[in-house]
N, C-alpha and C. Protein backbone atom coordinates (compact mmCIF):
# COMPACT_ATOMS: atom_id res chain seq x y z
N MET A 1 -14.33 8.13 -11.52
CA MET A 1 -13.24 7.40 -10.93
C MET A 1 -13.48 5.92 -11.16
N GLY A 2 -12.60 5.30 -11.91
CA GLY A 2 -12.77 3.90 -12.25
C GLY A 2 -11.72 3.02 -11.59
N LEU A 3 -11.66 1.81 -12.05
CA LEU A 3 -10.70 0.86 -11.50
C LEU A 3 -9.27 1.23 -11.84
N GLU A 4 -9.06 1.96 -12.94
CA GLU A 4 -7.72 2.39 -13.30
C GLU A 4 -7.21 3.45 -12.33
N ASP A 5 -8.09 4.34 -11.90
CA ASP A 5 -7.71 5.42 -11.00
C ASP A 5 -7.60 4.96 -9.55
N ASP A 6 -8.44 4.03 -9.14
CA ASP A 6 -8.48 3.56 -7.76
C ASP A 6 -8.63 2.04 -7.76
N PRO A 7 -7.53 1.31 -8.01
CA PRO A 7 -7.63 -0.15 -8.12
C PRO A 7 -7.80 -0.85 -6.78
N PHE A 8 -8.28 -2.07 -6.84
CA PHE A 8 -8.36 -2.94 -5.68
C PHE A 8 -6.97 -3.48 -5.37
N SER A 9 -6.74 -3.81 -4.12
CA SER A 9 -5.51 -4.50 -3.74
C SER A 9 -5.89 -5.65 -2.82
N THR A 10 -5.03 -6.66 -2.78
CA THR A 10 -5.29 -7.82 -1.94
C THR A 10 -4.14 -8.03 -0.97
N GLN A 11 -4.48 -8.64 0.15
CA GLN A 11 -3.48 -8.99 1.16
C GLN A 11 -3.86 -10.36 1.69
N SER A 12 -2.91 -11.28 1.65
CA SER A 12 -3.12 -12.62 2.19
C SER A 12 -2.51 -12.70 3.59
N THR A 13 -3.22 -13.34 4.49
CA THR A 13 -2.72 -13.49 5.85
C THR A 13 -2.20 -14.92 6.05
N LYS A 14 -1.51 -15.12 7.16
CA LYS A 14 -0.94 -16.44 7.46
C LYS A 14 -2.02 -17.50 7.65
N ASN A 15 -3.18 -17.10 8.19
CA ASN A 15 -4.22 -18.08 8.46
C ASN A 15 -5.16 -18.30 7.29
N GLY A 16 -4.80 -17.83 6.09
CA GLY A 16 -5.55 -18.14 4.89
C GLY A 16 -6.63 -17.14 4.51
N LEU A 17 -6.74 -16.03 5.21
CA LEU A 17 -7.71 -15.01 4.85
C LEU A 17 -7.16 -14.14 3.73
N ILE A 18 -8.06 -13.62 2.91
CA ILE A 18 -7.69 -12.66 1.87
C ILE A 18 -8.50 -11.41 2.13
N ARG A 19 -7.79 -10.29 2.28
CA ARG A 19 -8.44 -8.99 2.47
C ARG A 19 -8.38 -8.24 1.15
N ILE A 20 -9.54 -7.78 0.68
CA ILE A 20 -9.62 -6.99 -0.53
C ILE A 20 -9.91 -5.56 -0.09
N SER A 21 -9.06 -4.63 -0.53
CA SER A 21 -9.25 -3.24 -0.13
C SER A 21 -9.22 -2.34 -1.35
N ARG A 22 -9.81 -1.17 -1.17
CA ARG A 22 -9.85 -0.15 -2.22
C ARG A 22 -9.88 1.20 -1.54
N GLY A 23 -9.02 2.08 -1.98
CA GLY A 23 -8.98 3.41 -1.39
C GLY A 23 -8.48 3.40 0.04
N GLY A 24 -7.66 2.43 0.39
CA GLY A 24 -7.12 2.36 1.73
C GLY A 24 -8.03 1.73 2.77
N ARG A 25 -9.20 1.27 2.36
CA ARG A 25 -10.15 0.65 3.28
C ARG A 25 -10.43 -0.79 2.86
N VAL A 26 -10.54 -1.66 3.85
CA VAL A 26 -10.87 -3.06 3.57
C VAL A 26 -12.34 -3.13 3.17
N VAL A 27 -12.59 -3.67 1.99
CA VAL A 27 -13.95 -3.79 1.48
C VAL A 27 -14.57 -5.11 1.92
N VAL A 28 -13.80 -6.19 1.82
CA VAL A 28 -14.31 -7.51 2.18
C VAL A 28 -13.13 -8.40 2.60
N THR A 29 -13.41 -9.32 3.50
CA THR A 29 -12.43 -10.31 3.93
C THR A 29 -13.00 -11.69 3.63
N LEU A 30 -12.23 -12.49 2.92
CA LEU A 30 -12.67 -13.84 2.55
C LEU A 30 -11.84 -14.88 3.27
N GLY A 31 -12.47 -15.98 3.58
CA GLY A 31 -11.76 -17.09 4.22
C GLY A 31 -12.27 -18.40 3.68
N GLY A 32 -11.60 -19.46 4.02
CA GLY A 32 -12.04 -20.80 3.65
C GLY A 32 -11.99 -21.07 2.17
N GLU A 33 -13.03 -21.72 1.69
CA GLU A 33 -13.12 -22.15 0.29
C GLU A 33 -13.15 -20.97 -0.67
N ARG A 34 -13.86 -19.91 -0.29
CA ARG A 34 -13.93 -18.73 -1.17
C ARG A 34 -12.55 -18.10 -1.36
N ALA A 35 -11.77 -18.04 -0.30
CA ALA A 35 -10.42 -17.48 -0.39
C ALA A 35 -9.53 -18.36 -1.26
N ALA A 36 -9.66 -19.66 -1.13
CA ALA A 36 -8.86 -20.58 -1.93
C ALA A 36 -9.20 -20.46 -3.42
N ARG A 37 -10.50 -20.36 -3.72
CA ARG A 37 -10.90 -20.21 -5.12
C ARG A 37 -10.43 -18.89 -5.70
N LEU A 38 -10.51 -17.81 -4.91
CA LEU A 38 -10.06 -16.50 -5.39
C LEU A 38 -8.56 -16.51 -5.62
N SER A 39 -7.81 -17.09 -4.72
CA SER A 39 -6.36 -17.15 -4.86
C SER A 39 -5.97 -17.88 -6.13
N LYS A 40 -6.63 -18.99 -6.40
CA LYS A 40 -6.35 -19.76 -7.61
C LYS A 40 -6.72 -18.97 -8.86
N ALA A 41 -7.86 -18.30 -8.83
CA ALA A 41 -8.30 -17.51 -9.99
C ALA A 41 -7.35 -16.34 -10.25
N LEU A 42 -6.86 -15.70 -9.20
CA LEU A 42 -5.93 -14.59 -9.37
C LEU A 42 -4.60 -15.06 -9.94
N GLU A 43 -4.15 -16.25 -9.55
CA GLU A 43 -2.91 -16.79 -10.08
C GLU A 43 -3.04 -17.13 -11.56
N GLU A 44 -4.21 -17.60 -11.97
CA GLU A 44 -4.42 -18.00 -13.36
C GLU A 44 -4.67 -16.82 -14.28
N THR A 45 -5.06 -15.68 -13.74
CA THR A 45 -5.37 -14.51 -14.56
C THR A 45 -4.11 -13.71 -14.82
N GLN A 46 -3.77 -13.53 -16.08
CA GLN A 46 -2.55 -12.83 -16.46
C GLN A 46 -2.77 -11.32 -16.62
N ASN A 47 -3.95 -10.92 -17.03
CA ASN A 47 -4.26 -9.53 -17.34
C ASN A 47 -4.69 -8.78 -16.08
N GLU A 48 -4.08 -7.62 -15.81
CA GLU A 48 -4.41 -6.85 -14.61
C GLU A 48 -5.85 -6.33 -14.66
N ASP A 49 -6.34 -5.96 -15.84
CA ASP A 49 -7.73 -5.50 -15.96
C ASP A 49 -8.70 -6.60 -15.58
N ALA A 50 -8.41 -7.83 -16.00
CA ALA A 50 -9.27 -8.96 -15.66
C ALA A 50 -9.22 -9.24 -14.16
N ARG A 51 -8.06 -9.06 -13.54
CA ARG A 51 -7.95 -9.23 -12.09
C ARG A 51 -8.80 -8.20 -11.36
N GLN A 52 -8.74 -6.96 -11.81
CA GLN A 52 -9.53 -5.91 -11.17
C GLN A 52 -11.03 -6.17 -11.31
N GLN A 53 -11.46 -6.65 -12.47
CA GLN A 53 -12.87 -6.99 -12.67
C GLN A 53 -13.28 -8.15 -11.77
N LEU A 54 -12.41 -9.12 -11.62
CA LEU A 54 -12.69 -10.26 -10.74
C LEU A 54 -12.85 -9.79 -9.29
N LEU A 55 -11.95 -8.94 -8.83
CA LEU A 55 -12.04 -8.42 -7.47
C LEU A 55 -13.29 -7.57 -7.28
N ALA A 56 -13.66 -6.81 -8.30
CA ALA A 56 -14.88 -6.01 -8.22
C ALA A 56 -16.11 -6.90 -8.09
N ARG A 57 -16.13 -8.00 -8.83
CA ARG A 57 -17.27 -8.92 -8.73
C ARG A 57 -17.33 -9.60 -7.37
N ILE A 58 -16.19 -9.94 -6.81
CA ILE A 58 -16.15 -10.61 -5.51
C ILE A 58 -16.70 -9.70 -4.42
N THR A 59 -16.42 -8.41 -4.49
CA THR A 59 -16.88 -7.51 -3.44
C THR A 59 -18.39 -7.37 -3.43
N GLY A 60 -19.03 -7.53 -4.57
CA GLY A 60 -20.49 -7.52 -4.62
C GLY A 60 -21.11 -6.14 -4.79
N ASN A 61 -20.48 -5.10 -4.33
CA ASN A 61 -21.07 -3.77 -4.42
C ASN A 61 -20.84 -3.11 -5.77
N TYR A 62 -20.06 -3.71 -6.61
CA TYR A 62 -19.67 -3.08 -7.86
C TYR A 62 -20.29 -3.72 -9.08
N ARG A 63 -21.06 -4.76 -8.91
CA ARG A 63 -21.62 -5.41 -10.07
C ARG A 63 -22.96 -4.84 -10.50
N ARG A 64 -23.56 -3.98 -9.69
CA ARG A 64 -24.85 -3.40 -10.05
C ARG A 64 -24.73 -1.98 -10.58
N GLY A 65 -23.52 -1.46 -10.66
CA GLY A 65 -23.32 -0.12 -11.17
C GLY A 65 -23.73 0.95 -10.19
N ASN A 66 -23.67 0.68 -8.90
CA ASN A 66 -24.14 1.66 -7.92
C ASN A 66 -23.00 2.40 -7.25
N GLU A 67 -21.78 2.32 -7.78
CA GLU A 67 -20.70 3.07 -7.16
C GLU A 67 -20.85 4.56 -7.47
N ARG A 68 -20.51 5.38 -6.53
CA ARG A 68 -20.69 6.83 -6.66
C ARG A 68 -19.47 7.46 -7.30
N ARG A 69 -19.72 8.59 -7.94
CA ARG A 69 -18.63 9.34 -8.55
C ARG A 69 -18.24 10.50 -7.71
């Protein structure tokens, strides 16, 4: 099961938080400067695959290859 089968999704709140979720569960919530940088990076990225890779890197649990199948 990869990012194509189970993609990340984002939700922005009124107070500037960004929630990143996958599989219906919130994986991480970002606020402040990190949320602002992520928002800008997502706006600049045109390719959906690149967006998914960016979100995977932000969550931290997916960059070491330890996700289960």
